[in-house]
């Protein structure tokens, strides 16, 4: 399993995105959190197609912090069933990856 991950979630407002980004870094669950948006979203929920505006939060973390980060995001997320997806970082500068490790300890 890869040692480094990018984890993504979305929320419905910028303040919530900033709060999740900052609080996860403060808790050493992620080395960084980036807020992107607004983004336009089309989705199916309860059998209906809906559209809305969201903000995406992208985290860099280590695989051994993934489970704790996911739990934290779910527990502190404004949605009942939030998106929390993870993608492996297959390659990166050694110094950058070392920073992710140091920042999540």
PDB file of N, CA and C in Angstrom:
ATOM      1  N   UNK A   1       0.842  -1.173   0.000  1.00  0.00           N
ATOM      2  CA  UNK A   1       0.000   0.000   0.000  1.00  0.00           C
ATOM      3  C   UNK A   1       0.890   1.240   0.000  1.00  0.00           C
ATOM      4  N   UNK A   2       0.443   2.268  -0.719  1.00  0.00           N
ATOM      5  CA  UNK A   2       1.221   3.502  -0.817  1.00  0.00           C
ATOM      6  C   UNK A   2       1.299   4.192   0.542  1.00  0.00           C
ATOM      7  N   UNK A   3       2.388   4.872   0.752  1.00  0.00           N
ATOM      8  CA  UNK A   3       2.593   5.561   2.020  1.00  0.00           C
ATOM      9  C   UNK A   3       1.938   6.934   2.080  1.00  0.00           C
ATOM     10  N   UNK A   4       1.664   7.544   0.911  1.00  0.00           N
ATOM     11  CA  UNK A   4       1.165   8.910   0.867  1.00  0.00           C
ATOM     12  C   UNK A   4      -0.124   8.993   0.075  1.00  0.00           C
ATOM     13  N   UNK A   5      -1.032   9.861   0.544  1.00  0.00           N
ATOM     14  CA  UNK A   5      -2.370   9.951  -0.053  1.00  0.00           C
ATOM     15  C   UNK A   5      -2.796  11.390  -0.254  1.00  0.00           C
ATOM     16  N   UNK A   6      -3.682  11.573  -1.225  1.00  0.00           N
ATOM     17  CA  UNK A   6      -4.477  12.783  -1.376  1.00  0.00           C
ATOM     18  C   UNK A   6      -5.892  12.371  -1.020  1.00  0.00           C
ATOM     19  N   UNK A   7      -6.500  13.074  -0.077  1.00  0.00           N
ATOM     20  CA  UNK A   7      -7.860  12.783   0.380  1.00  0.00           C
ATOM     21  C   UNK A   7      -8.727  14.000   0.046  1.00  0.00           C
ATOM     22  N   UNK A   8      -9.917  13.735  -0.494  1.00  0.00           N
ATOM     23  CA  UNK A   8     -10.799  14.811  -0.952  1.00  0.00           C
ATOM     24  C   UNK A   8     -12.169  14.698  -0.299  1.00  0.00           C
ATOM     25  N   UNK A   9     -12.726  15.851   0.042  1.00  0.00           N
ATOM     26  CA  UNK A   9     -14.120  15.949   0.468  1.00  0.00           C
ATOM     27  C   UNK A   9     -14.693  17.229  -0.117  1.00  0.00           C
ATOM     28  N   UNK A  10     -16.003  17.365  -0.099  1.00  0.00           N
ATOM     29  CA  UNK A  10     -16.670  18.587  -0.527  1.00  0.00           C
ATOM     30  C   UNK A  10     -17.672  19.006   0.537  1.00  0.00           C
ATOM     31  N   UNK A  11     -17.871  20.324   0.650  1.00  0.00           N
ATOM     32  CA  UNK A  11     -18.841  20.892   1.583  1.00  0.00           C
ATOM     33  C   UNK A  11     -19.612  21.996   0.879  1.00  0.00           C
ATOM     34  N   UNK A  12     -20.681  22.462   1.508  1.00  0.00           N
ATOM     35  CA  UNK A  12     -21.576  23.399   0.838  1.00  0.00           C
ATOM     36  C   UNK A  12     -21.245  24.874   1.022  1.00  0.00           C
ATOM     37  N   UNK A  13     -20.204  25.193   1.821  1.00  0.00           N
ATOM     38  CA  UNK A  13     -19.852  26.610   1.952  1.00  0.00           C
ATOM     39  C   UNK A  13     -18.373  26.761   2.273  1.00  0.00           C
ATOM     40  N   UNK A  14     -17.856  27.949   1.966  1.00  0.00           N
ATOM     41  CA  UNK A  14     -16.432  28.204   2.109  1.00  0.00           C
ATOM     42  C   UNK A  14     -15.980  28.172   3.566  1.00  0.00           C
ATOM     43  N   UNK A  15     -16.794  28.675   4.477  1.00  0.00           N
ATOM     44  CA  UNK A  15     -16.418  28.670   5.891  1.00  0.00           C
ATOM     45  C   UNK A  15     -16.222  27.250   6.411  1.00  0.00           C
ATOM     46  N   UNK A  16     -17.123  26.343   6.051  1.00  0.00           N
ATOM     47  CA  UNK A  16     -16.991  24.943   6.471  1.00  0.00           C
ATOM     48  C   UNK A  16     -15.733  24.316   5.874  1.00  0.00           C
ATOM     49  N   UNK A  17     -15.440  24.651   4.626  1.00  0.00           N
ATOM     50  CA  UNK A  17     -14.239  24.126   3.965  1.00  0.00           C
ATOM     51  C   UNK A  17     -12.982  24.617   4.679  1.00  0.00           C
ATOM     52  N   UNK A  18     -12.934  25.908   4.972  1.00  0.00           N
ATOM     53  CA  UNK A  18     -11.772  26.459   5.669  1.00  0.00           C
ATOM     54  C   UNK A  18     -11.606  25.846   7.060  1.00  0.00           C
ATOM     55  N   UNK A  19     -12.725  25.653   7.750  1.00  0.00           N
ATOM     56  CA  UNK A  19     -12.673  25.077   9.094  1.00  0.00           C
ATOM     57  C   UNK A  19     -12.126  23.646   9.055  1.00  0.00           C
ATOM     58  N   UNK A  20     -12.624  22.824   8.117  1.00  0.00           N
ATOM     59  CA  UNK A  20     -12.111  21.452   7.997  1.00  0.00           C
ATOM     60  C   UNK A  20     -10.636  21.458   7.624  1.00  0.00           C
ATOM     61  N   UNK A  21     -10.253  22.327   6.695  1.00  0.00           N
ATOM     62  CA  UNK A  21      -8.861  22.392   6.262  1.00  0.00           C
ATOM     63  C   UNK A  21      -7.952  22.719   7.437  1.00  0.00           C
ATOM     64  N   UNK A  22      -8.279  23.754   8.160  1.00  0.00           N
ATOM     65  CA  UNK A  22      -7.424  24.193   9.271  1.00  0.00           C
ATOM     66  C   UNK A  22      -7.416  23.190  10.421  1.00  0.00           C
ATOM     67  N   UNK A  23      -8.577  22.690  10.798  1.00  0.00           N
ATOM     68  CA  UNK A  23      -8.645  21.821  11.969  1.00  0.00           C
ATOM     69  C   UNK A  23      -7.949  20.477  11.744  1.00  0.00           C
ATOM     70  N   UNK A  24      -7.969  19.963  10.533  1.00  0.00           N
ATOM     71  CA  UNK A  24      -7.265  18.702  10.278  1.00  0.00           C
ATOM     72  C   UNK A  24      -5.757  18.886  10.335  1.00  0.00           C
ATOM     73  N   UNK A  25      -5.286  20.028   9.846  1.00  0.00           N
ATOM     74  CA  UNK A  25      -3.847  20.305   9.921  1.00  0.00           C
ATOM     75  C   UNK A  25      -3.446  20.531  11.376  1.00  0.00           C
ATOM     76  N   UNK A  26      -4.253  21.269  12.126  1.00  0.00           N
ATOM     77  CA  UNK A  26      -3.962  21.485  13.550  1.00  0.00           C
ATOM     78  C   UNK A  26      -3.908  20.176  14.320  1.00  0.00           C
ATOM     79  N   UNK A  27      -4.736  19.206  13.925  1.00  0.00           N
ATOM     80  CA  UNK A  27      -4.774  17.904  14.594  1.00  0.00           C
ATOM     81  C   UNK A  27      -3.715  16.944  14.056  1.00  0.00           C
ATOM     82  N   UNK A  28      -2.861  17.396  13.148  1.00  0.00           N
ATOM     83  CA  UNK A  28      -1.807  16.577  12.524  1.00  0.00           C
ATOM     84  C   UNK A  28      -2.364  15.375  11.773  1.00  0.00           C
ATOM     85  N   UNK A  29      -3.593  15.496  11.285  1.00  0.00           N
ATOM     86  CA  UNK A  29      -4.194  14.433  10.473  1.00  0.00           C
ATOM     87  C   UNK A  29      -3.826  14.593   9.006  1.00  0.00           C
ATOM     88  N   UNK A  30      -3.454  15.798   8.622  1.00  0.00           N
ATOM     89  CA  UNK A  30      -3.023  16.088   7.263  1.00  0.00           C
ATOM     90  C   UNK A  30      -1.893  17.102   7.327  1.00  0.00           C
ATOM     91  N   UNK A  31      -0.992  17.028   6.350  1.00  0.00           N
ATOM     92  CA  UNK A  31       0.097  17.996   6.275  1.00  0.00           C
ATOM     93  C   UNK A  31      -0.407  19.317   5.718  1.00  0.00           C
ATOM     94  N   UNK A  32      -1.424  19.248   4.860  1.00  0.00           N
ATOM     95  CA  UNK A  32      -2.002  20.459   4.287  1.00  0.00           C
ATOM     96  C   UNK A  32      -3.430  20.192   3.873  1.00  0.00           C
ATOM     97  N   UNK A  33      -4.178  21.273   3.767  1.00  0.00           N
ATOM     98  CA  UNK A  33      -5.539  21.222   3.246  1.00  0.00           C
ATOM     99  C   UNK A  33      -5.722  22.402   2.321  1.00  0.00           C
ATOM    100  N   UNK A  34      -6.216  22.154   1.131  1.00  0.00           N
ATOM    101  CA  UNK A  34      -6.433  23.218   0.159  1.00  0.00           C
ATOM    102  C   UNK A  34      -7.911  23.320  -0.156  1.00  0.00           C
ATOM    103  N   UNK A  35      -8.420  24.541  -0.153  1.00  0.00           N
ATOM    104  CA  UNK A  35      -9.820  24.797  -0.466  1.00  0.00           C
ATOM    105  C   UNK A  35      -9.909  25.315  -1.896  1.00  0.00           C
ATOM    106  N   UNK A  36     -10.751  24.677  -2.698  1.00  0.00           N
ATOM    107  CA  UNK A  36     -10.988  25.078  -4.081  1.00  0.00           C
ATOM    108  C   UNK A  36     -12.475  25.334  -4.252  1.00  0.00           C
ATOM    109  N   UNK A  37     -12.796  26.390  -4.965  1.00  0.00           N
ATOM    110  CA  UNK A  37     -14.205  26.635  -5.240  1.00  0.00           C
ATOM    111  C   UNK A  37     -14.489  28.115  -5.325  1.00  0.00           C
ATOM    112  N   UNK A  38     -15.701  28.414  -5.619  1.00  0.00           N
ATOM    113  CA  UNK A  38     -16.833  27.485  -5.690  1.00  0.00           C
ATOM    114  C   UNK A  38     -16.791  26.626  -6.950  1.00  0.00           C
ATOM    115  N   UNK A  39     -17.356  25.443  -6.831  1.00  0.00           N
ATOM    116  CA  UNK A  39     -17.516  24.531  -7.963  1.00  0.00           C
ATOM    117  C   UNK A  39     -18.992  24.188  -8.100  1.00  0.00           C
ATOM    118  N   UNK A  40     -19.438  24.028  -9.321  1.00  0.00           N
ATOM    119  CA  UNK A  40     -20.819  23.651  -9.588  1.00  0.00           C
ATOM    120  C   UNK A  40     -20.926  22.134  -9.592  1.00  0.00           C
ATOM    121  N   UNK A  41     -21.929  21.606  -8.904  1.00  0.00           N
ATOM    122  CA  UNK A  41     -22.086  20.169  -8.739  1.00  0.00           C
ATOM    123  C   UNK A  41     -23.474  19.735  -9.185  1.00  0.00           C
ATOM    124  N   UNK A  42     -23.525  18.652  -9.931  1.00  0.00           N
ATOM    125  CA  UNK A  42     -24.777  17.982 -10.270  1.00  0.00           C
ATOM    126  C   UNK A  42     -24.705  16.598  -9.651  1.00  0.00           C
ATOM    127  N   UNK A  43     -25.762  16.195  -8.948  1.00  0.00           N
ATOM    128  CA  UNK A  43     -25.719  14.916  -8.243  1.00  0.00           C
ATOM    129  C   UNK A  43     -27.122  14.327  -8.115  1.00  0.00           C
ATOM    130  N   UNK A  44     -27.147  13.034  -7.871  1.00  0.00           N
ATOM    131  CA  UNK A  44     -28.408  12.335  -7.615  1.00  0.00           C
ATOM    132  C   UNK A  44     -28.494  12.076  -6.118  1.00  0.00           C
ATOM    133  N   UNK A  45     -29.621  12.486  -5.515  1.00  0.00           N
ATOM    134  CA  UNK A  45     -29.826  12.289  -4.081  1.00  0.00           C
ATOM    135  C   UNK A  45     -31.294  11.975  -3.848  1.00  0.00           C
ATOM    136  N   UNK A  46     -31.535  10.877  -3.156  1.00  0.00           N
ATOM    137  CA  UNK A  46     -32.899  10.423  -2.864  1.00  0.00           C
ATOM    138  C   UNK A  46     -33.735  10.317  -4.134  1.00  0.00           C
ATOM    139  N   UNK A  47     -33.082   9.828  -5.202  1.00  0.00           N
ATOM    140  CA  UNK A  47     -33.780   9.574  -6.456  1.00  0.00           C
ATOM    141  C   UNK A  47     -33.995  10.785  -7.334  1.00  0.00           C
ATOM    142  N   UNK A  48     -33.528  11.946  -6.939  1.00  0.00           N
ATOM    143  CA  UNK A  48     -33.723  13.156  -7.735  1.00  0.00           C
ATOM    144  C   UNK A  48     -32.379  13.751  -8.145  1.00  0.00           C
ATOM    145  N   UNK A  49     -32.362  14.379  -9.321  1.00  0.00           N
ATOM    146  CA  UNK A  49     -31.183  15.085  -9.792  1.00  0.00           C
ATOM    147  C   UNK A  49     -31.224  16.495  -9.216  1.00  0.00           C
ATOM    148  N   UNK A  50     -30.117  16.891  -8.624  1.00  0.00           N
ATOM    149  CA  UNK A  50     -30.017  18.224  -8.021  1.00  0.00           C
ATOM    150  C   UNK A  50     -28.741  18.901  -8.497  1.00  0.00           C
ATOM    151  N   UNK A  51     -28.715  20.210  -8.338  1.00  0.00           N
ATOM    152  CA  UNK A  51     -27.524  20.995  -8.651  1.00  0.00           C
ATOM    153  C   UNK A  51     -27.238  21.916  -7.485  1.00  0.00           C
ATOM    154  N   UNK A  52     -25.972  22.229  -7.302  1.00  0.00           N
ATOM    155  CA  UNK A  52     -25.617  23.120  -6.221  1.00  0.00           C
ATOM    156  C   UNK A  52     -24.197  23.616  -6.359  1.00  0.00           C
ATOM    157  N   UNK A  53     -23.794  24.394  -5.405  1.00  0.00           N
ATOM    158  CA  UNK A  53     -22.443  24.931  -5.340  1.00  0.00           C
ATOM    159  C   UNK A  53     -21.751  24.335  -4.124  1.00  0.00           C
ATOM    160  N   UNK A  54     -20.520  23.889  -4.326  1.00  0.00           N
ATOM    161  CA  UNK A  54     -19.754  23.297  -3.244  1.00  0.00           C
ATOM    162  C   UNK A  54     -18.329  23.832  -3.267  1.00  0.00           C
ATOM    163  N   UNK A  55     -17.612  23.522  -2.211  1.00  0.00           N
ATOM    164  CA  UNK A  55     -16.182  23.796  -2.104  1.00  0.00           C
ATOM    165  C   UNK A  55     -15.488  22.473  -1.851  1.00  0.00           C
ATOM    166  N   UNK A  56     -14.391  22.251  -2.554  1.00  0.00           N
ATOM    167  CA  UNK A  56     -13.633  21.010  -2.405  1.00  0.00           C
ATOM    168  C   UNK A  56     -12.442  21.264  -1.480  1.00  0.00           C
ATOM    169  N   UNK A  57     -12.195  20.316  -0.585  1.00  0.00           N
ATOM    170  CA  UNK A  57     -11.026  20.385   0.281  1.00  0.00           C
ATOM    171  C   UNK A  57     -10.155  19.179  -0.033  1.00  0.00           C
ATOM    172  N   UNK A  58      -8.901  19.451  -0.360  1.00  0.00           N
ATOM    173  CA  UNK A  58      -7.940  18.421  -0.726  1.00  0.00           C
ATOM    174  C   UNK A  58      -6.843  18.381   0.328  1.00  0.00           C
ATOM    175  N   UNK A  59      -6.617  17.198   0.868  1.00  0.00           N
ATOM    176  CA  UNK A  59      -5.637  17.000   1.939  1.00  0.00           C
ATOM    177  C   UNK A  59      -4.484  16.143   1.449  1.00  0.00           C
ATOM    178  N   UNK A  60      -3.285  16.382   1.999  1.00  0.00           N
ATOM    179  CA  UNK A  60      -2.137  15.496   1.808  1.00  0.00           C
ATOM    180  C   UNK A  60      -1.866  14.861   3.158  1.00  0.00           C
ATOM    181  N   UNK A  61      -1.760  13.539   3.142  1.00  0.00           N
ATOM    182  CA  UNK A  61      -1.548  12.822   4.394  1.00  0.00           C
ATOM    183  C   UNK A  61      -0.783  11.532   4.135  1.00  0.00           C
ATOM    184  N   UNK A  62      -0.536  10.808   5.199  1.00  0.00           N
ATOM    185  CA  UNK A  62       0.117   9.508   5.101  1.00  0.00           C
ATOM    186  C   UNK A  62      -0.937   8.410   5.250  1.00  0.00           C
ATOM    187  N   UNK A  63      -0.636   7.255   4.713  1.00  0.00           N
ATOM    188  CA  UNK A  63      -1.590   6.157   4.763  1.00  0.00           C
ATOM    189  C   UNK A  63      -1.952   5.771   6.201  1.00  0.00           C
ATOM    190  N   UNK A  64      -0.987   5.849   7.103  1.00  0.00           N
ATOM    191  CA  UNK A  64      -1.290   5.465   8.482  1.00  0.00           C
ATOM    192  C   UNK A  64      -2.177   6.494   9.195  1.00  0.00           C
ATOM    193  N   UNK A  65      -2.393   7.667   8.620  1.00  0.00           N
ATOM    194  CA  UNK A  65      -3.295   8.677   9.192  1.00  0.00           C
ATOM    195  C   UNK A  65      -4.656   8.695   8.483  1.00  0.00           C
ATOM    196  N   UNK A  66      -4.812   7.915   7.408  1.00  0.00           N
ATOM    197  CA  UNK A  66      -6.028   7.943   6.604  1.00  0.00           C
ATOM    198  C   UNK A  66      -7.278   7.618   7.415  1.00  0.00           C
ATOM    199  N   UNK A  67      -7.251   6.559   8.165  1.00  0.00           N
ATOM    200  CA  UNK A  67      -8.437   6.150   8.921  1.00  0.00           C
ATOM    201  C   UNK A  67      -8.848   7.214   9.942  1.00  0.00           C
ATOM    202  N   UNK A  68      -7.876   7.765  10.650  1.00  0.00           N
ATOM    203  CA  UNK A  68      -8.181   8.817  11.632  1.00  0.00           C
ATOM    204  C   UNK A  68      -8.686  10.082  10.931  1.00  0.00           C
ATOM    205  N   UNK A  69      -8.101  10.421   9.780  1.00  0.00           N
ATOM    206  CA  UNK A  69      -8.563  11.585   9.025  1.00  0.00           C
ATOM    207  C   UNK A  69      -9.990  11.377   8.543  1.00  0.00           C
ATOM    208  N   UNK A  70     -10.277  10.200   8.007  1.00  0.00           N
ATOM    209  CA  UNK A  70     -11.630   9.911   7.538  1.00  0.00           C
ATOM    210  C   UNK A  70     -12.641  10.019   8.687  1.00  0.00           C
ATOM    211  N   UNK A  71     -12.330   9.433   9.826  1.00  0.00           N
ATOM    212  CA  UNK A  71     -13.231   9.510  10.969  1.00  0.00           C
ATOM    213  C   UNK A  71     -13.452  10.962  11.386  1.00  0.00           C
ATOM    214  N   UNK A  72     -12.379  11.731  11.440  1.00  0.00           N
ATOM    215  CA  UNK A  72     -12.487  13.136  11.816  1.00  0.00           C
ATOM    216  C   UNK A  72     -13.377  13.895  10.836  1.00  0.00           C
ATOM    217  N   UNK A  73     -13.159  13.668   9.544  1.00  0.00           N
ATOM    218  CA  UNK A  73     -13.964  14.371   8.534  1.00  0.00           C
ATOM    219  C   UNK A  73     -15.440  14.007   8.658  1.00  0.00           C
ATOM    220  N   UNK A  74     -15.740  12.741   8.805  1.00  0.00           N
ATOM    221  CA  UNK A  74     -17.134  12.306   8.943  1.00  0.00           C
ATOM    222  C   UNK A  74     -17.758  12.902  10.209  1.00  0.00           C
ATOM    223  N   UNK A  75     -17.021  12.882  11.313  1.00  0.00           N
ATOM    224  CA  UNK A  75     -17.541  13.391  12.589  1.00  0.00           C
ATOM    225  C   UNK A  75     -17.746  14.905  12.586  1.00  0.00           C
ATOM    226  N   UNK A  76     -16.994  15.637  11.764  1.00  0.00           N
ATOM    227  CA  UNK A  76     -17.032  17.097  11.775  1.00  0.00           C
ATOM    228  C   UNK A  76     -17.591  17.701  10.489  1.00  0.00           C
ATOM    229  N   UNK A  77     -18.182  16.894   9.664  1.00  0.00           N
ATOM    230  CA  UNK A  77     -18.678  17.313   8.354  1.00  0.00           C
ATOM    231  C   UNK A  77     -20.126  17.773   8.444  1.00  0.00           C
ATOM    232  N   UNK A  78     -20.505  18.807   7.676  1.00  0.00           N
ATOM    233  CA  UNK A  78     -21.899  19.255   7.706  1.00  0.00           C
ATOM    234  C   UNK A  78     -22.881  18.301   6.996  1.00  0.00           C
ATOM    235  N   UNK A  79     -22.393  17.381   6.165  1.00  0.00           N
ATOM    236  CA  UNK A  79     -23.272  16.442   5.456  1.00  0.00           C
ATOM    237  C   UNK A  79     -23.462  15.176   6.288  1.00  0.00           C
ATOM    238  N   UNK A  80     -24.624  14.545   6.125  1.00  0.00           N
ATOM    239  CA  UNK A  80     -24.898  13.281   6.814  1.00  0.00           C
ATOM    240  C   UNK A  80     -24.034  12.140   6.287  1.00  0.00           C
ATOM    241  N   UNK A  81     -23.794  12.138   4.976  1.00  0.00           N
ATOM    242  CA  UNK A  81     -23.016  11.067   4.355  1.00  0.00           C
ATOM    243  C   UNK A  81     -21.996  11.698   3.404  1.00  0.00           C
ATOM    244  N   UNK A  82     -20.898  12.245   3.954  1.00  0.00           N
ATOM    245  CA  UNK A  82     -19.964  13.001   3.119  1.00  0.00           C
ATOM    246  C   UNK A  82     -19.088  12.128   2.235  1.00  0.00           C
ATOM    247  N   UNK A  83     -18.664  12.730   1.145  1.00  0.00           N
ATOM    248  CA  UNK A  83     -17.639  12.137   0.297  1.00  0.00           C
ATOM    249  C   UNK A  83     -16.309  12.224   1.042  1.00  0.00           C
ATOM    250  N   UNK A  84     -15.626  11.109   1.145  1.00  0.00           N
ATOM    251  CA  UNK A  84     -14.246  11.088   1.609  1.00  0.00           C
ATOM    252  C   UNK A  84     -13.554  10.049   0.732  1.00  0.00           C
ATOM    253  N   UNK A  85     -12.813  10.528  -0.274  1.00  0.00           N
ATOM    254  CA  UNK A  85     -12.121   9.621  -1.187  1.00  0.00           C
ATOM    255  C   UNK A  85     -10.628   9.826  -1.053  1.00  0.00           C
ATOM    256  N   UNK A  86      -9.874   8.760  -1.305  1.00  0.00           N
ATOM    257  CA  UNK A  86      -8.420   8.826  -1.178  1.00  0.00           C
ATOM    258  C   UNK A  86      -7.769   8.282  -2.444  1.00  0.00           C
ATOM    259  N   UNK A  87      -6.693   8.954  -2.830  1.00  0.00           N
ATOM    260  CA  UNK A  87      -5.910   8.568  -3.996  1.00  0.00           C
ATOM    261  C   UNK A  87      -4.455   8.476  -3.573  1.00  0.00           C
ATOM    262  N   UNK A  88      -3.770   7.478  -4.080  1.00  0.00           N
ATOM    263  CA  UNK A  88      -2.365   7.320  -3.718  1.00  0.00           C
ATOM    264  C   UNK A  88      -1.499   8.326  -4.471  1.00  0.00           C
ATOM    265  N   UNK A  89      -0.463   8.749  -3.811  1.00  0.00           N
ATOM    266  CA  UNK A  89       0.586   9.537  -4.456  1.00  0.00           C
ATOM    267  C   UNK A  89       1.646   8.532  -4.866  1.00  0.00           C
ATOM    268  N   UNK A  90       1.749   8.276  -6.146  1.00  0.00           N
ATOM    269  CA  UNK A  90       2.649   7.237  -6.638  1.00  0.00           C
ATOM    270  C   UNK A  90       4.106   7.679  -6.695  1.00  0.00           C
ATOM    271  N   UNK A  91       4.321   8.984  -6.824  1.00  0.00           N
ATOM    272  CA  UNK A  91       5.687   9.489  -6.907  1.00  0.00           C
ATOM    273  C   UNK A  91       5.702  10.936  -6.430  1.00  0.00           C
ATOM    274  N   UNK A  92       6.849  11.366  -5.955  1.00  0.00           N
ATOM    275  CA  UNK A  92       7.011  12.744  -5.516  1.00  0.00           C
ATOM    276  C   UNK A  92       8.431  12.966  -5.054  1.00  0.00           C
ATOM    277  N   UNK A  93       8.802  14.221  -4.962  1.00  0.00           N
ATOM    278  CA  UNK A  93      10.139  14.551  -4.472  1.00  0.00           C
ATOM    279  C   UNK A  93      10.293  14.033  -3.046  1.00  0.00           C
ATOM    280  N   UNK A  94      11.422  13.441  -2.767  1.00  0.00           N
ATOM    281  CA  UNK A  94      11.669  12.866  -1.445  1.00  0.00           C
ATOM    282  C   UNK A  94      11.492  13.907  -0.348  1.00  0.00           C
ATOM    283  N   UNK A  95      11.964  15.126  -0.583  1.00  0.00           N
ATOM    284  CA  UNK A  95      11.848  16.183   0.426  1.00  0.00           C
ATOM    285  C   UNK A  95      10.392  16.525   0.707  1.00  0.00           C
ATOM    286  N   UNK A  96       9.558  16.541  -0.323  1.00  0.00           N
ATOM    287  CA  UNK A  96       8.131  16.831  -0.160  1.00  0.00           C
ATOM    288  C   UNK A  96       7.436  15.719   0.617  1.00  0.00           C
ATOM    289  N   UNK A  97       7.712  14.496   0.258  1.00  0.00           N
ATOM    290  CA  UNK A  97       7.101  13.360   0.944  1.00  0.00           C
ATOM    291  C   UNK A  97       7.581  13.275   2.394  1.00  0.00           C
ATOM    292  N   UNK A  98       8.838  13.601   2.633  1.00  0.00           N
ATOM    293  CA  UNK A  98       9.342  13.652   4.011  1.00  0.00           C
ATOM    294  C   UNK A  98       8.591  14.713   4.814  1.00  0.00           C
ATOM    295  N   UNK A  99       8.309  15.853   4.183  1.00  0.00           N
ATOM    296  CA  UNK A  99       7.551  16.911   4.853  1.00  0.00           C
ATOM    297  C   UNK A  99       6.158  16.426   5.253  1.00  0.00           C
ATOM    298  N   UNK A 100       5.482  15.698   4.357  1.00  0.00           N
ATOM    299  CA  UNK A 100       4.160  15.154   4.692  1.00  0.00           C
ATOM    300  C   UNK A 100       4.265  14.270   5.938  1.00  0.00           C
ATOM    301  N   UNK A 101       5.286  13.433   5.979  1.00  0.00           N
ATOM    302  CA  UNK A 101       5.468  12.558   7.136  1.00  0.00           C
ATOM    303  C   UNK A 101       5.707  13.372   8.407  1.00  0.00           C
ATOM    304  N   UNK A 102       6.592  14.337   8.358  1.00  0.00           N
ATOM    305  CA  UNK A 102       6.894  15.152   9.542  1.00  0.00           C
ATOM    306  C   UNK A 102       5.669  15.945  10.001  1.00  0.00           C
ATOM    307  N   UNK A 103       4.908  16.459   9.070  1.00  0.00           N
ATOM    308  CA  UNK A 103       3.765  17.318   9.404  1.00  0.00           C
ATOM    309  C   UNK A 103       2.582  16.551   9.972  1.00  0.00           C
ATOM    310  N   UNK A 104       2.561  15.240   9.822  1.00  0.00           N
ATOM    311  CA  UNK A 104       1.436  14.451  10.328  1.00  0.00           C
ATOM    312  C   UNK A 104       1.828  13.647  11.570  1.00  0.00           C
ATOM    313  N   UNK A 105       2.870  14.028  12.223  1.00  0.00           N
ATOM    314  CA  UNK A 105       3.323  13.339  13.440  1.00  0.00           C
ATOM    315  C   UNK A 105       3.036  14.169  14.652  1.00  0.00           C
TER     316      UNK A 105
END
